All heavy atoms as atom14 arrays in JSON, in Angstrom:
{
  "sequence": "AALAAVVGAHGCLGFYNGGRIAGASQAHKHLQWVPAQASALGDFLP",
  "atom14_mask": [
    [1, 1, 1, 1, 1, 0, 0, 0, 0, 0, 0, 0, 0, 0],
    [1, 1, 1, 1, 1, 0, 0, 0, 0, 0, 0, 0, 0, 0],
    [1, 1, 1, 1, 1, 1, 1, 1, 0, 0, 0, 0, 0, 0],
    [1, 1, 1, 1, 1, 0, 0, 0, 0, 0, 0, 0, 0, 0],
    [1, 1, 1, 1, 1, 0, 0, 0, 0, 0, 0, 0, 0, 0],
    [1, 1, 1, 1, 1, 1, 1, 0, 0, 0, 0, 0, 0, 0],
    [1, 1, 1, 1, 1, 1, 1, 0, 0, 0, 0, 0, 0, 0],
    [1, 1, 1, 1, 0, 0, 0, 0, 0, 0, 0, 0, 0, 0],
    [1, 1, 1, 1, 1, 0, 0, 0, 0, 0, 0, 0, 0, 0],
    [1, 1, 1, 1, 1, 1, 1, 1, 1, 1, 0, 0, 0, 0],
    [1, 1, 1, 1, 0, 0, 0, 0, 0, 0, 0, 0, 0, 0],
    [1, 1, 1, 1, 1, 1, 0, 0, 0, 0, 0, 0, 0, 0],
    [1, 1, 1, 1, 1, 1, 1, 1, 0, 0, 0, 0, 0, 0],
    [1, 1, 1, 1, 0, 0, 0, 0, 0, 0, 0, 0, 0, 0],
    [1, 1, 1, 1, 1, 1, 1, 1, 1, 1, 1, 0, 0, 0],
    [1, 1, 1, 1, 1, 1, 1, 1, 1, 1, 1, 1, 0, 0],
    [1, 1, 1, 1, 1, 1, 1, 1, 0, 0, 0, 0, 0, 0],
    [1, 1, 1, 1, 0, 0, 0, 0, 0, 0, 0, 0, 0, 0],
    [1, 1, 1, 1, 0, 0, 0, 0, 0, 0, 0, 0, 0, 0],
    [1, 1, 1, 1, 1, 1, 1, 1, 1, 1, 1, 0, 0, 0],
    [1, 1, 1, 1, 1, 1, 1, 1, 0, 0, 0, 0, 0, 0],
    [1, 1, 1, 1, 1, 0, 0, 0, 0, 0, 0, 0, 0, 0],
    [1, 1, 1, 1, 0, 0, 0, 0, 0, 0, 0, 0, 0, 0],
    [1, 1, 1, 1, 1, 0, 0, 0, 0, 0, 0, 0, 0, 0],
    [1, 1, 1, 1, 1, 1, 0, 0, 0, 0, 0, 0, 0, 0],
    [1, 1, 1, 1, 1, 1, 1, 1, 1, 0, 0, 0, 0, 0],
    [1, 1, 1, 1, 1, 0, 0, 0, 0, 0, 0, 0, 0, 0],
    [1, 1, 1, 1, 1, 1, 1, 1, 1, 1, 0, 0, 0, 0],
    [1, 1, 1, 1, 1, 1, 1, 1, 1, 0, 0, 0, 0, 0],
    [1, 1, 1, 1, 1, 1, 1, 1, 1, 1, 0, 0, 0, 0],
    [1, 1, 1, 1, 1, 1, 1, 1, 0, 0, 0, 0, 0, 0],
    [1, 1, 1, 1, 1, 1, 1, 1, 1, 0, 0, 0, 0, 0],
    [1, 1, 1, 1, 1, 1, 1, 1, 1, 1, 1, 1, 1, 1],
    [1, 1, 1, 1, 1, 1, 1, 0, 0, 0, 0, 0, 0, 0],
    [1, 1, 1, 1, 1, 1, 1, 0, 0, 0, 0, 0, 0, 0],
    [1, 1, 1, 1, 1, 0, 0, 0, 0, 0, 0, 0, 0, 0],
    [1, 1, 1, 1, 1, 1, 1, 1, 1, 0, 0, 0, 0, 0],
    [1, 1, 1, 1, 1, 0, 0, 0, 0, 0, 0, 0, 0, 0],
    [1, 1, 1, 1, 1, 1, 0, 0, 0, 0, 0, 0, 0, 0],
    [1, 1, 1, 1, 1, 0, 0, 0, 0, 0, 0, 0, 0, 0],
    [1, 1, 1, 1, 1, 1, 1, 1, 0, 0, 0, 0, 0, 0],
    [1, 1, 1, 1, 0, 0, 0, 0, 0, 0, 0, 0, 0, 0],
    [1, 1, 1, 1, 1, 1, 1, 1, 0, 0, 0, 0, 0, 0],
    [1, 1, 1, 1, 1, 1, 1, 1, 1, 1, 1, 0, 0, 0],
    [1, 1, 1, 1, 1, 1, 1, 1, 0, 0, 0, 0, 0, 0],
    [1, 1, 1, 1, 1, 1, 1, 0, 0, 0, 0, 0, 0, 0]
  ],
  "atom14_positions": [
    [[0.83, -1.21, 0.0], [0.0, 0.0, 0.0], [0.87, 1.26, 0.0], [0.58, 2.22, -0.73], [-0.94, 0.0, 1.2], [0.0, 0.0, 0.0], [0.0, 0.0, 0.0], [0.0, 0.0, 0.0], [0.0, 0.0, 0.0], [0.0, 0.0, 0.0], [0.0, 0.0, 0.0], [0.0, 0.0, 0.0], [0.0, 0.0, 0.0], [0.0, 0.0, 0.0]],
    [[1.93, 1.27, 0.8], [2.83, 2.43, 0.84], [3.52, 2.62, -0.51], [3.61, 3.74, -1.02], [3.85, 2.26, 1.96], [0.0, 0.0, 0.0], [0.0, 0.0, 0.0], [0.0, 0.0, 0.0], [0.0, 0.0, 0.0], [0.0, 0.0, 0.0], [0.0, 0.0, 0.0], [0.0, 0.0, 0.0], [0.0, 0.0, 0.0], [0.0, 0.0, 0.0]],
    [[3.98, 1.54, -1.1], [4.63, 1.62, -2.4], [3.65, 2.09, -3.47], [3.97, 2.97, -4.29], [5.23, 0.26, -2.78], [6.01, 0.23, -4.08], [7.22, 1.15, -4.02], [6.44, -1.2, -4.39], [0.0, 0.0, 0.0], [0.0, 0.0, 0.0], [0.0, 0.0, 0.0], [0.0, 0.0, 0.0], [0.0, 0.0, 0.0], [0.0, 0.0, 0.0]],
    [[2.44, 1.54, -3.45], [1.42, 1.92, -4.44], [1.03, 3.39, -4.3], [0.78, 4.05, -5.31], [0.19, 1.02, -4.3], [0.0, 0.0, 0.0], [0.0, 0.0, 0.0], [0.0, 0.0, 0.0], [0.0, 0.0, 0.0], [0.0, 0.0, 0.0], [0.0, 0.0, 0.0], [0.0, 0.0, 0.0], [0.0, 0.0, 0.0], [0.0, 0.0, 0.0]],
    [[1.01, 3.91, -3.09], [0.65, 5.32, -2.89], [1.67, 6.23, -3.58], [1.29, 7.22, -4.23], [0.57, 5.65, -1.4], [0.0, 0.0, 0.0], [0.0, 0.0, 0.0], [0.0, 0.0, 0.0], [0.0, 0.0, 0.0], [0.0, 0.0, 0.0], [0.0, 0.0, 0.0], [0.0, 0.0, 0.0], [0.0, 0.0, 0.0], [0.0, 0.0, 0.0]],
    [[2.94, 5.89, -3.48], [3.98, 6.74, -4.07], [4.03, 6.55, -5.59], [4.03, 7.52, -6.35], [5.35, 6.45, -3.43], [6.45, 7.25, -4.11], [5.32, 6.76, -1.94], [0.0, 0.0, 0.0], [0.0, 0.0, 0.0], [0.0, 0.0, 0.0], [0.0, 0.0, 0.0], [0.0, 0.0, 0.0], [0.0, 0.0, 0.0], [0.0, 0.0, 0.0]],
    [[4.08, 5.3, -6.04], [4.15, 5.04, -7.49], [2.86, 5.52, -8.17], [2.9, 6.08, -9.26], [4.43, 3.55, -7.78], [4.34, 3.26, -9.28], [5.81, 3.16, -7.24], [0.0, 0.0, 0.0], [0.0, 0.0, 0.0], [0.0, 0.0, 0.0], [0.0, 0.0, 0.0], [0.0, 0.0, 0.0], [0.0, 0.0, 0.0], [0.0, 0.0, 0.0]],
    [[1.72, 5.34, -7.51], [0.46, 5.8, -8.08], [0.42, 7.31, -8.26], [-0.06, 7.81, -9.27], [0.0, 0.0, 0.0], [0.0, 0.0, 0.0], [0.0, 0.0, 0.0], [0.0, 0.0, 0.0], [0.0, 0.0, 0.0], [0.0, 0.0, 0.0], [0.0, 0.0, 0.0], [0.0, 0.0, 0.0], [0.0, 0.0, 0.0], [0.0, 0.0, 0.0]],
    [[0.94, 8.03, -7.3], [0.92, 9.49, -7.36], [2.0, 10.06, -8.28], [1.79, 11.09, -8.93], [1.09, 10.07, -5.96], [0.0, 0.0, 0.0], [0.0, 0.0, 0.0], [0.0, 0.0, 0.0], [0.0, 0.0, 0.0], [0.0, 0.0, 0.0], [0.0, 0.0, 0.0], [0.0, 0.0, 0.0], [0.0, 0.0, 0.0], [0.0, 0.0, 0.0]],
    [[3.15, 9.4, -8.33], [4.3, 10.0, -9.01], [4.88, 9.18, -10.16], [5.8, 9.63, -10.84], [5.42, 10.28, -8.0], [4.97, 11.15, -6.88], [4.73, 12.5, -7.04], [4.67, 10.87, -5.59], [4.32, 13.01, -5.89], [4.27, 12.04, -5.0], [0.0, 0.0, 0.0], [0.0, 0.0, 0.0], [0.0, 0.0, 0.0], [0.0, 0.0, 0.0]],
    [[4.39, 7.93, -10.35], [4.94, 7.09, -11.4], [6.37, 6.68, -11.09], [6.72, 6.45, -9.94], [0.0, 0.0, 0.0], [0.0, 0.0, 0.0], [0.0, 0.0, 0.0], [0.0, 0.0, 0.0], [0.0, 0.0, 0.0], [0.0, 0.0, 0.0], [0.0, 0.0, 0.0], [0.0, 0.0, 0.0], [0.0, 0.0, 0.0], [0.0, 0.0, 0.0]],
    [[7.17, 6.63, -12.1], [8.6, 6.32, -11.99], [8.84, 4.93, -11.45], [8.14, 4.01, -11.85], [9.3, 7.4, -11.2], [8.93, 9.04, -11.86], [0.0, 0.0, 0.0], [0.0, 0.0, 0.0], [0.0, 0.0, 0.0], [0.0, 0.0, 0.0], [0.0, 0.0, 0.0], [0.0, 0.0, 0.0], [0.0, 0.0, 0.0], [0.0, 0.0, 0.0]],
    [[9.77, 4.74, -10.52], [10.19, 3.4, -10.14], [10.27, 3.22, -8.63], [10.98, 3.95, -7.94], [11.56, 3.1, -10.75], [12.13, 1.72, -10.51], [11.28, 0.66, -11.22], [13.56, 1.65, -11.0], [0.0, 0.0, 0.0], [0.0, 0.0, 0.0], [0.0, 0.0, 0.0], [0.0, 0.0, 0.0], [0.0, 0.0, 0.0], [0.0, 0.0, 0.0]],
    [[9.55, 2.21, -8.12], [9.67, 1.79, -6.74], [10.49, 0.51, -6.7], [10.45, -0.27, -7.65], [0.0, 0.0, 0.0], [0.0, 0.0, 0.0], [0.0, 0.0, 0.0], [0.0, 0.0, 0.0], [0.0, 0.0, 0.0], [0.0, 0.0, 0.0], [0.0, 0.0, 0.0], [0.0, 0.0, 0.0], [0.0, 0.0, 0.0], [0.0, 0.0, 0.0]],
    [[11.24, 0.31, -5.62], [12.05, -0.91, -5.55], [12.32, -1.32, -4.11], [12.13, -0.55, -3.18], [13.35, -0.77, -6.34], [14.34, 0.25, -5.84], [15.4, -0.12, -5.02], [14.23, 1.58, -6.21], [16.33, 0.8, -4.58], [15.16, 2.52, -5.78], [16.21, 2.13, -4.96], [0.0, 0.0, 0.0], [0.0, 0.0, 0.0], [0.0, 0.0, 0.0]],
    [[12.75, -2.58, -3.99], [13.03, -3.16, -2.69], [14.22, -4.1, -2.82], [14.26, -4.94, -3.72], [11.81, -3.96, -2.21], [11.92, -4.49, -0.81], [11.85, -3.64, 0.28], [12.08, -5.85, -0.57], [11.93, -4.13, 1.57], [12.17, -6.34, 0.72], [12.09, -5.47, 1.79], [12.17, -5.95, 3.07], [0.0, 0.0, 0.0], [0.0, 0.0, 0.0]],
    [[15.18, -3.92, -1.93], [16.34, -4.79, -1.84], [16.11, -5.73, -0.66], [16.22, -5.32, 0.49], [17.61, -3.97, -1.62], [17.83, -2.95, -2.72], [17.72, -3.27, -3.88], [18.11, -1.71, -2.34], [0.0, 0.0, 0.0], [0.0, 0.0, 0.0], [0.0, 0.0, 0.0], [0.0, 0.0, 0.0], [0.0, 0.0, 0.0], [0.0, 0.0, 0.0]],
    [[15.75, -6.96, -0.94], [15.37, -7.92, 0.1], [16.58, -8.5, 0.82], [16.97, -9.62, 0.56], [0.0, 0.0, 0.0], [0.0, 0.0, 0.0], [0.0, 0.0, 0.0], [0.0, 0.0, 0.0], [0.0, 0.0, 0.0], [0.0, 0.0, 0.0], [0.0, 0.0, 0.0], [0.0, 0.0, 0.0], [0.0, 0.0, 0.0], [0.0, 0.0, 0.0]],
    [[17.17, -7.72, 1.71], [18.29, -8.17, 2.53], [19.64, -7.71, 2.01], [19.77, -7.18, 0.91], [0.0, 0.0, 0.0], [0.0, 0.0, 0.0], [0.0, 0.0, 0.0], [0.0, 0.0, 0.0], [0.0, 0.0, 0.0], [0.0, 0.0, 0.0], [0.0, 0.0, 0.0], [0.0, 0.0, 0.0], [0.0, 0.0, 0.0], [0.0, 0.0, 0.0]],
    [[20.66, -7.88, 2.85], [22.01, -7.43, 2.54], [22.52, -8.03, 1.23], [23.12, -7.36, 0.4], [22.97, -7.77, 3.68], [24.4, -7.29, 3.46], [25.35, -7.8, 4.51], [25.31, -9.25, 4.68], [25.86, -10.13, 3.84], [26.49, -9.73, 2.77], [25.76, -11.43, 4.07], [0.0, 0.0, 0.0], [0.0, 0.0, 0.0], [0.0, 0.0, 0.0]],
    [[22.28, -9.32, 1.02], [22.77, -9.99, -0.19], [22.12, -9.4, -1.44], [22.68, -9.46, -2.53], [22.57, -11.52, -0.08], [23.52, -12.06, 0.99], [22.8, -12.22, -1.41], [23.3, -13.51, 1.34], [0.0, 0.0, 0.0], [0.0, 0.0, 0.0], [0.0, 0.0, 0.0], [0.0, 0.0, 0.0], [0.0, 0.0, 0.0], [0.0, 0.0, 0.0]],
    [[20.97, -8.78, -1.29], [20.28, -8.14, -2.42], [20.62, -6.65, -2.53], [19.99, -5.92, -3.3], [18.77, -8.32, -2.29], [0.0, 0.0, 0.0], [0.0, 0.0, 0.0], [0.0, 0.0, 0.0], [0.0, 0.0, 0.0], [0.0, 0.0, 0.0], [0.0, 0.0, 0.0], [0.0, 0.0, 0.0], [0.0, 0.0, 0.0], [0.0, 0.0, 0.0]],
    [[21.6, -6.19, -1.76], [22.04, -4.8, -1.87], [21.48, -3.85, -0.84], [21.71, -2.65, -0.92], [0.0, 0.0, 0.0], [0.0, 0.0, 0.0], [0.0, 0.0, 0.0], [0.0, 0.0, 0.0], [0.0, 0.0, 0.0], [0.0, 0.0, 0.0], [0.0, 0.0, 0.0], [0.0, 0.0, 0.0], [0.0, 0.0, 0.0], [0.0, 0.0, 0.0]],
    [[20.74, -4.34, 0.17], [20.21, -3.46, 1.21], [21.36, -3.0, 2.11], [22.12, -3.82, 2.61], [19.15, -4.17, 2.04], [0.0, 0.0, 0.0], [0.0, 0.0, 0.0], [0.0, 0.0, 0.0], [0.0, 0.0, 0.0], [0.0, 0.0, 0.0], [0.0, 0.0, 0.0], [0.0, 0.0, 0.0], [0.0, 0.0, 0.0], [0.0, 0.0, 0.0]],
    [[21.46, -1.71, 2.31], [22.52, -1.18, 3.15], [22.07, -0.98, 4.6], [22.89, -0.71, 5.47], [23.04, 0.15, 2.59], [21.98, 1.09, 2.53], [0.0, 0.0, 0.0], [0.0, 0.0, 0.0], [0.0, 0.0, 0.0], [0.0, 0.0, 0.0], [0.0, 0.0, 0.0], [0.0, 0.0, 0.0], [0.0, 0.0, 0.0], [0.0, 0.0, 0.0]],
    [[20.77, -1.1, 4.86], [20.21, -0.92, 6.2], [19.36, -2.13, 6.56], [18.66, -2.67, 5.7], [19.35, 0.35, 6.27], [20.08, 1.62, 5.93], [21.19, 1.92, 6.91], [21.04, 1.74, 8.11], [22.32, 2.38, 6.39], [0.0, 0.0, 0.0], [0.0, 0.0, 0.0], [0.0, 0.0, 0.0], [0.0, 0.0, 0.0], [0.0, 0.0, 0.0]],
    [[19.35, -2.5, 7.83], [18.58, -3.66, 8.28], [17.1, -3.32, 8.52], [16.27, -4.21, 8.58], [19.19, -4.23, 9.56], [0.0, 0.0, 0.0], [0.0, 0.0, 0.0], [0.0, 0.0, 0.0], [0.0, 0.0, 0.0], [0.0, 0.0, 0.0], [0.0, 0.0, 0.0], [0.0, 0.0, 0.0], [0.0, 0.0, 0.0], [0.0, 0.0, 0.0]],
    [[16.76, -2.02, 8.69], [15.38, -1.6, 8.94], [14.61, -1.64, 7.62], [15.03, -1.06, 6.63], [15.39, -0.18, 9.51], [14.07, 0.31, 10.0], [13.95, 1.05, 11.14], [12.81, 0.17, 9.52], [12.68, 1.36, 11.33], [11.97, 0.83, 10.34], [0.0, 0.0, 0.0], [0.0, 0.0, 0.0], [0.0, 0.0, 0.0], [0.0, 0.0, 0.0]],
    [[13.46, -2.32, 7.61], [12.68, -2.5, 6.38], [12.35, -1.16, 5.74], [11.79, -0.26, 6.37], [11.38, -3.25, 6.66], [10.62, -3.62, 5.39], [9.23, -4.11, 5.69], [9.14, -5.61, 5.65], [7.74, -6.06, 5.79], [0.0, 0.0, 0.0], [0.0, 0.0, 0.0], [0.0, 0.0, 0.0], [0.0, 0.0, 0.0], [0.0, 0.0, 0.0]],
    [[12.71, -1.05, 4.46], [12.42, 0.16, 3.7], [12.32, -0.15, 2.22], [13.12, -0.87, 1.67], [13.5, 1.23, 3.93], [14.87, 0.82, 3.47], [15.64, -0.11, 4.15], [15.6, 1.21, 2.41], [16.78, -0.28, 3.5], [16.79, 0.51, 2.45], [0.0, 0.0, 0.0], [0.0, 0.0, 0.0], [0.0, 0.0, 0.0], [0.0, 0.0, 0.0]],
    [[11.27, 0.36, 1.62], [11.15, 0.36, 0.17], [11.73, 1.69, -0.31], [11.96, 2.59, 0.5], [9.69, 0.23, -0.24], [9.07, -1.13, 0.08], [8.14, -1.03, 1.25], [8.37, -1.69, -1.12], [0.0, 0.0, 0.0], [0.0, 0.0, 0.0], [0.0, 0.0, 0.0], [0.0, 0.0, 0.0], [0.0, 0.0, 0.0], [0.0, 0.0, 0.0]],
    [[11.94, 1.8, -1.61], [12.53, 3.03, -2.14], [11.83, 3.44, -3.43], [11.18, 2.63, -4.08], [14.03, 2.83, -2.39], [14.77, 2.48, -1.11], [16.24, 2.25, -1.34], [16.95, 3.18, -1.73], [16.71, 1.04, -1.1], [0.0, 0.0, 0.0], [0.0, 0.0, 0.0], [0.0, 0.0, 0.0], [0.0, 0.0, 0.0], [0.0, 0.0, 0.0]],
    [[12.0, 4.7, -3.77], [11.42, 5.25, -4.99], [12.44, 6.21, -5.6], [13.11, 6.95, -4.88], [10.13, 6.0, -4.66], [9.51, 6.72, -5.81], [8.62, 6.2, -6.7], [9.73, 8.07, -6.2], [8.26, 7.16, -7.63], [8.94, 8.32, -7.34], [10.52, 9.1, -5.71], [8.91, 9.55, -7.98], [10.51, 10.33, -6.35], [9.7, 10.54, -7.47]],
    [[12.54, 6.18, -6.93], [13.39, 7.14, -7.63], [12.6, 7.74, -8.79], [11.72, 7.1, -9.36], [14.7, 6.49, -8.16], [15.63, 6.13, -7.0], [14.44, 5.28, -9.03], [0.0, 0.0, 0.0], [0.0, 0.0, 0.0], [0.0, 0.0, 0.0], [0.0, 0.0, 0.0], [0.0, 0.0, 0.0], [0.0, 0.0, 0.0], [0.0, 0.0, 0.0]],
    [[12.92, 8.99, -9.14], [12.2, 9.67, -10.23], [12.62, 9.16, -11.6], [13.58, 8.4, -11.74], [12.61, 11.13, -10.03], [13.95, 11.06, -9.38], [13.92, 9.84, -8.5], [0.0, 0.0, 0.0], [0.0, 0.0, 0.0], [0.0, 0.0, 0.0], [0.0, 0.0, 0.0], [0.0, 0.0, 0.0], [0.0, 0.0, 0.0], [0.0, 0.0, 0.0]],
    [[11.91, 9.61, -12.6], [12.1, 9.13, -13.97], [13.52, 9.32, -14.49], [14.05, 8.46, -15.18], [11.11, 9.82, -14.9], [0.0, 0.0, 0.0], [0.0, 0.0, 0.0], [0.0, 0.0, 0.0], [0.0, 0.0, 0.0], [0.0, 0.0, 0.0], [0.0, 0.0, 0.0], [0.0, 0.0, 0.0], [0.0, 0.0, 0.0], [0.0, 0.0, 0.0]],
    [[14.16, 10.43, -14.16], [15.5, 10.65, -14.71], [16.52, 9.67, -14.14], [17.58, 9.47, -14.72], [15.97, 12.09, -14.52], [16.18, 12.5, -13.08], [14.96, 13.12, -12.45], [13.83, 12.82, -12.84], [15.16, 14.0, -11.48], [0.0, 0.0, 0.0], [0.0, 0.0, 0.0], [0.0, 0.0, 0.0], [0.0, 0.0, 0.0], [0.0, 0.0, 0.0]],
    [[16.2, 9.01, -13.05], [17.13, 8.06, -12.44], [17.06, 6.69, -13.1], [18.05, 6.0, -13.24], [16.84, 7.93, -10.95], [0.0, 0.0, 0.0], [0.0, 0.0, 0.0], [0.0, 0.0, 0.0], [0.0, 0.0, 0.0], [0.0, 0.0, 0.0], [0.0, 0.0, 0.0], [0.0, 0.0, 0.0], [0.0, 0.0, 0.0], [0.0, 0.0, 0.0]],
    [[15.87, 6.29, -13.48], [15.71, 4.95, -14.03], [14.31, 4.79, -14.6], [13.36, 5.35, -14.07], [15.93, 3.93, -12.92], [16.03, 2.65, -13.44], [0.0, 0.0, 0.0], [0.0, 0.0, 0.0], [0.0, 0.0, 0.0], [0.0, 0.0, 0.0], [0.0, 0.0, 0.0], [0.0, 0.0, 0.0], [0.0, 0.0, 0.0], [0.0, 0.0, 0.0]],
    [[14.21, 4.03, -15.65], [12.9, 3.8, -16.27], [12.78, 2.32, -16.61], [13.16, 1.89, -17.69], [12.74, 4.67, -17.5], [0.0, 0.0, 0.0], [0.0, 0.0, 0.0], [0.0, 0.0, 0.0], [0.0, 0.0, 0.0], [0.0, 0.0, 0.0], [0.0, 0.0, 0.0], [0.0, 0.0, 0.0], [0.0, 0.0, 0.0], [0.0, 0.0, 0.0]],
    [[12.29, 1.54, -15.69], [12.17, 0.1, -15.88], [11.33, -0.23, -17.11], [11.67, -1.14, -17.86], [11.56, -0.55, -14.64], [11.35, -2.06, -14.69], [12.69, -2.77, -14.8], [10.58, -2.52, -13.48], [0.0, 0.0, 0.0], [0.0, 0.0, 0.0], [0.0, 0.0, 0.0], [0.0, 0.0, 0.0], [0.0, 0.0, 0.0], [0.0, 0.0, 0.0]],
    [[10.28, 0.52, -17.34], [9.4, 0.26, -18.46], [10.11, 0.24, -19.8], [9.7, -0.45, -20.74], [0.0, 0.0, 0.0], [0.0, 0.0, 0.0], [0.0, 0.0, 0.0], [0.0, 0.0, 0.0], [0.0, 0.0, 0.0], [0.0, 0.0, 0.0], [0.0, 0.0, 0.0], [0.0, 0.0, 0.0], [0.0, 0.0, 0.0], [0.0, 0.0, 0.0]],
    [[11.21, 0.99, -19.91], [11.98, 1.02, -21.16], [12.64, -0.32, -21.46], [13.02, -0.59, -22.59], [13.06, 2.1, -21.1], [12.48, 3.5, -21.06], [11.27, 3.67, -21.35], [13.23, 4.42, -20.73], [0.0, 0.0, 0.0], [0.0, 0.0, 0.0], [0.0, 0.0, 0.0], [0.0, 0.0, 0.0], [0.0, 0.0, 0.0], [0.0, 0.0, 0.0]],
    [[12.82, -1.16, -20.44], [13.53, -2.43, -20.61], [12.6, -3.62, -20.74], [13.05, -4.74, -20.92], [14.46, -2.69, -19.41], [15.54, -1.66, -19.26], [15.4, -0.62, -18.37], [16.7, -1.74, -20.01], [16.39, 0.33, -18.22], [17.7, -0.8, -19.87], [17.55, 0.25, -18.97], [0.0, 0.0, 0.0], [0.0, 0.0, 0.0], [0.0, 0.0, 0.0]],
    [[11.3, -3.4, -20.61], [10.36, -4.52, -20.54], [9.49, -4.62, -21.78], [9.16, -3.61, -22.41], [9.46, -4.35, -19.31], [10.16, -4.32, -17.97], [9.16, -4.03, -16.86], [10.9, -5.61, -17.71], [0.0, 0.0, 0.0], [0.0, 0.0, 0.0], [0.0, 0.0, 0.0], [0.0, 0.0, 0.0], [0.0, 0.0, 0.0], [0.0, 0.0, 0.0]],
    [[9.06, -5.84, -22.11], [8.1, -6.0, -23.2], [6.72, -5.51, -22.76], [6.46, -5.38, -21.57], [8.09, -7.51, -23.43], [8.42, -8.08, -22.09], [9.4, -7.11, -21.46], [0.0, 0.0, 0.0], [0.0, 0.0, 0.0], [0.0, 0.0, 0.0], [0.0, 0.0, 0.0], [0.0, 0.0, 0.0], [0.0, 0.0, 0.0], [0.0, 0.0, 0.0]]
  ]
}
């Protein structure tokens, strides 16, 4: 719901690094969002 609220309002890209091995730098649960100029996943997908 938190991720959908941000992506729904602003588009762009939400992401989650599931643990240290997946690139998470902090142990406290956190999702992330970046604006369009940072990354556009849709450009890479069919």
